[in-house]
């Protein structure tokens, strides 16, 4: 979806780099926090790390 929008913007703009740079930054802004959240949740709920019913 983001890449499609980037291609559409490139179709009517002369500067090719800016739209793809914007799409890249938006993609990273969405995925990096979600990746960190997923990692945190995996560590928190990992059954091997649970000690006596407590979450670490």
N, C-alpha and C. Protein backbone atom coordinates (compact mmCIF):
# COMPACT_ATOMS: atom_id res chain seq x y z
N UNK A 1 0.84 -1.19 0.00
CA UNK A 1 0.00 0.00 0.00
C UNK A 1 0.89 1.25 0.00
N UNK A 2 1.85 1.30 0.91
CA UNK A 2 2.73 2.47 0.97
C UNK A 2 3.55 2.61 -0.31
N UNK A 3 4.05 1.50 -0.83
CA UNK A 3 4.85 1.55 -2.04
C UNK A 3 4.00 1.99 -3.24
N UNK A 4 2.75 1.56 -3.28
CA UNK A 4 1.85 1.97 -4.36
C UNK A 4 1.64 3.49 -4.33
N UNK A 5 1.43 4.03 -3.15
CA UNK A 5 1.26 5.48 -3.02
C UNK A 5 2.54 6.19 -3.44
N UNK A 6 3.68 5.65 -3.04
CA UNK A 6 4.95 6.24 -3.44
C UNK A 6 5.12 6.27 -4.95
N UNK A 7 4.73 5.19 -5.60
CA UNK A 7 4.83 5.14 -7.06
C UNK A 7 3.88 6.13 -7.72
N UNK A 8 2.70 6.30 -7.16
CA UNK A 8 1.75 7.27 -7.71
C UNK A 8 2.29 8.69 -7.59
N UNK A 9 2.91 8.99 -6.47
CA UNK A 9 3.48 10.33 -6.28
C UNK A 9 4.63 10.55 -7.26
N UNK A 10 5.47 9.52 -7.46
CA UNK A 10 6.58 9.63 -8.40
C UNK A 10 6.06 9.87 -9.81
N UNK A 11 4.91 9.30 -10.14
CA UNK A 11 4.36 9.45 -11.49
C UNK A 11 4.05 10.91 -11.83
N UNK A 12 3.67 11.71 -10.84
CA UNK A 12 3.35 13.11 -11.15
C UNK A 12 4.36 14.09 -10.59
N UNK A 13 5.46 13.61 -10.06
CA UNK A 13 6.52 14.49 -9.57
C UNK A 13 7.82 14.20 -10.31
N UNK A 14 8.66 15.20 -10.40
CA UNK A 14 9.95 15.03 -11.06
C UNK A 14 10.95 14.42 -10.10
N UNK A 15 10.92 14.82 -8.84
CA UNK A 15 11.86 14.33 -7.85
C UNK A 15 11.46 12.93 -7.39
N UNK A 16 12.26 11.94 -7.75
CA UNK A 16 11.94 10.55 -7.45
C UNK A 16 12.34 10.18 -6.02
N UNK A 17 13.40 10.77 -5.51
CA UNK A 17 13.94 10.36 -4.21
C UNK A 17 13.03 10.72 -3.04
N UNK A 18 12.48 11.90 -3.02
CA UNK A 18 11.71 12.36 -1.86
C UNK A 18 10.50 11.50 -1.51
N UNK A 19 9.66 11.11 -2.47
CA UNK A 19 8.51 10.27 -2.09
C UNK A 19 8.93 8.94 -1.49
N UNK A 20 9.95 8.30 -2.07
CA UNK A 20 10.38 7.01 -1.54
C UNK A 20 11.08 7.17 -0.19
N UNK A 21 11.76 8.28 0.02
CA UNK A 21 12.35 8.54 1.33
C UNK A 21 11.25 8.72 2.37
N UNK A 22 10.20 9.42 2.00
CA UNK A 22 9.06 9.60 2.91
C UNK A 22 8.37 8.29 3.22
N UNK A 23 8.18 7.45 2.19
CA UNK A 23 7.56 6.14 2.40
C UNK A 23 8.44 5.29 3.31
N UNK A 24 9.75 5.35 3.11
CA UNK A 24 10.68 4.59 3.94
C UNK A 24 10.61 5.04 5.39
N UNK A 25 10.61 6.33 5.62
CA UNK A 25 10.55 6.85 6.99
C UNK A 25 9.22 6.48 7.66
N UNK A 26 8.14 6.56 6.92
CA UNK A 26 6.83 6.19 7.47
C UNK A 26 6.80 4.70 7.82
N UNK A 27 7.35 3.87 6.94
CA UNK A 27 7.41 2.43 7.19
C UNK A 27 8.21 2.13 8.46
N UNK A 28 9.37 2.75 8.59
CA UNK A 28 10.21 2.55 9.78
C UNK A 28 9.53 3.07 11.03
N UNK A 29 8.85 4.21 10.92
CA UNK A 29 8.14 4.77 12.08
C UNK A 29 7.03 3.85 12.55
N UNK A 30 6.46 3.06 11.64
CA UNK A 30 5.40 2.13 12.04
C UNK A 30 5.96 0.81 12.54
N UNK A 31 6.99 0.29 11.87
CA UNK A 31 7.44 -1.07 12.19
C UNK A 31 8.40 -1.15 13.37
N UNK A 32 9.26 -0.18 13.56
CA UNK A 32 10.23 -0.28 14.66
C UNK A 32 9.57 -0.31 16.03
N UNK A 33 8.62 0.58 16.34
CA UNK A 33 7.96 0.48 17.65
C UNK A 33 7.18 -0.83 17.81
N UNK A 34 6.54 -1.29 16.75
CA UNK A 34 5.80 -2.55 16.83
C UNK A 34 6.73 -3.74 17.05
N UNK A 35 7.91 -3.71 16.43
CA UNK A 35 8.89 -4.76 16.64
C UNK A 35 9.38 -4.77 18.07
N UNK A 36 9.66 -3.59 18.61
CA UNK A 36 10.11 -3.50 20.00
C UNK A 36 9.02 -3.99 20.95
N UNK A 37 7.77 -3.62 20.69
CA UNK A 37 6.65 -4.07 21.52
C UNK A 37 6.52 -5.59 21.47
N UNK A 38 6.63 -6.17 20.28
CA UNK A 38 6.53 -7.63 20.14
C UNK A 38 7.64 -8.32 20.91
N UNK A 39 8.86 -7.80 20.82
CA UNK A 39 10.00 -8.37 21.55
C UNK A 39 9.77 -8.30 23.05
N UNK A 40 9.28 -7.17 23.53
CA UNK A 40 9.01 -6.99 24.96
C UNK A 40 7.94 -7.97 25.43
N UNK A 41 6.87 -8.10 24.66
CA UNK A 41 5.81 -9.03 25.04
C UNK A 41 6.27 -10.48 25.01
N UNK A 42 7.11 -10.84 24.04
CA UNK A 42 7.63 -12.20 23.98
C UNK A 42 8.48 -12.50 25.21
N UNK A 43 9.33 -11.54 25.60
CA UNK A 43 10.16 -11.75 26.79
C UNK A 43 9.30 -11.83 28.04
N UNK A 44 8.31 -10.99 28.12
CA UNK A 44 7.48 -10.93 29.33
C UNK A 44 6.66 -12.21 29.53
N UNK A 45 6.15 -12.77 28.48
CA UNK A 45 5.27 -13.92 28.59
C UNK A 45 5.95 -15.24 28.22
N UNK A 46 7.27 -15.26 28.14
CA UNK A 46 8.01 -16.49 27.86
C UNK A 46 7.92 -17.43 29.05
N UNK A 47 7.37 -18.63 28.88
CA UNK A 47 7.19 -19.55 30.02
C UNK A 47 8.50 -19.96 30.67
N UNK A 48 9.60 -19.97 29.94
CA UNK A 48 10.89 -20.35 30.50
C UNK A 48 11.43 -19.28 31.45
N UNK A 49 10.98 -18.05 31.31
CA UNK A 49 11.47 -16.96 32.16
C UNK A 49 10.59 -16.74 33.38
N UNK A 50 9.46 -17.39 33.45
CA UNK A 50 8.56 -17.22 34.60
C UNK A 50 9.15 -17.93 35.81
N UNK A 51 9.13 -17.24 36.94
CA UNK A 51 9.66 -17.80 38.18
C UNK A 51 8.55 -17.76 39.22
N UNK A 52 8.09 -18.91 39.66
CA UNK A 52 7.07 -19.02 40.72
C UNK A 52 5.85 -18.16 40.43
N UNK A 53 5.41 -18.14 39.17
CA UNK A 53 4.21 -17.41 38.83
C UNK A 53 4.39 -15.91 38.66
N UNK A 54 5.62 -15.42 38.76
CA UNK A 54 5.88 -13.99 38.61
C UNK A 54 6.37 -13.72 37.20
N UNK A 55 6.02 -12.56 36.70
CA UNK A 55 6.53 -12.13 35.41
C UNK A 55 7.78 -11.30 35.64
N UNK A 56 8.81 -11.55 34.86
CA UNK A 56 10.05 -10.77 35.00
C UNK A 56 10.19 -9.79 33.89
